[in-house]
Amino acid sequence: MSTHNPNEPDGNKPEEVDASKGYEASDVRVSGILVFLVALTIFAVVTAAMAYGVGKVLDARMAKEDGPPSKWTKTVDVRQLGDMPNSPELQNKVATLMQQYPTPRLQTDDGAQDVTDLHAREDLLLNNYSWVDQSQGKVRIPIERAMELIAQRGLPVAPAVEQAPLMTGDQKPQVIFPLTSGFARTGYELDQAKAQAVEGTRAGEQK
């Protein structure tokens, strides 16, 4: 059985520290710092080598998939071109080219003016006389006149259609007139009409 003599020196016993001086009397061990720096350097070198190797593998794979370089795969340094100057003349040329594109083109606004122009063309057809086929003598008449003629002459009566008797629980469909009160003007058109009315009132007051 082993025994322990307290008078004998023990290597595992911590050294007594003299705190009477008020500071650390022993120096820092340089070996620990050197080991840390060496390990950090090795880690950085290994990481850089691995990143370089992975990059080379990826580049080789991309080059294999893209094939040999040609005039279509030439690399151009766009930094040599510099910044494109802001030229009003160039902008006018671009605008001119845009107008030369075939229709239909993309709208440059919300389309309110296009709808207004469409309604204006429809109003010309609805409220004025125009030829449909001059060789056959077919004329398009104003819608107000067409309504007057229909009110005087009436609509042609269609021949009665034989219908099968209604089944139990079915009802004959009923149509409530009028189906519609006509198309409504857009808000843009209403604003334009209001502005024209105000301008007409001011012109009348000035006279």
Foldseek 3Di string as FASTA:
>chain_A
DDDDDPVDDDPPDDDDDDCPVVDDPDDDDVVVVVVVVVVVVVVVVVVVVVVVVVVVVVVVVVCVVVDDDDPVNDDDDCVVVPDDDDDPVVVVVVVVVQVPDDDPDDDPDPCLVVVVVVVVVVQCQQADKDDPDVVVPHIRHHVVVVVVVCVVPNDDDDDDDDDDDDDPPDDDDDDDPPPDPDDDRDPVVVVVVVVVVVVVVVVVVVD
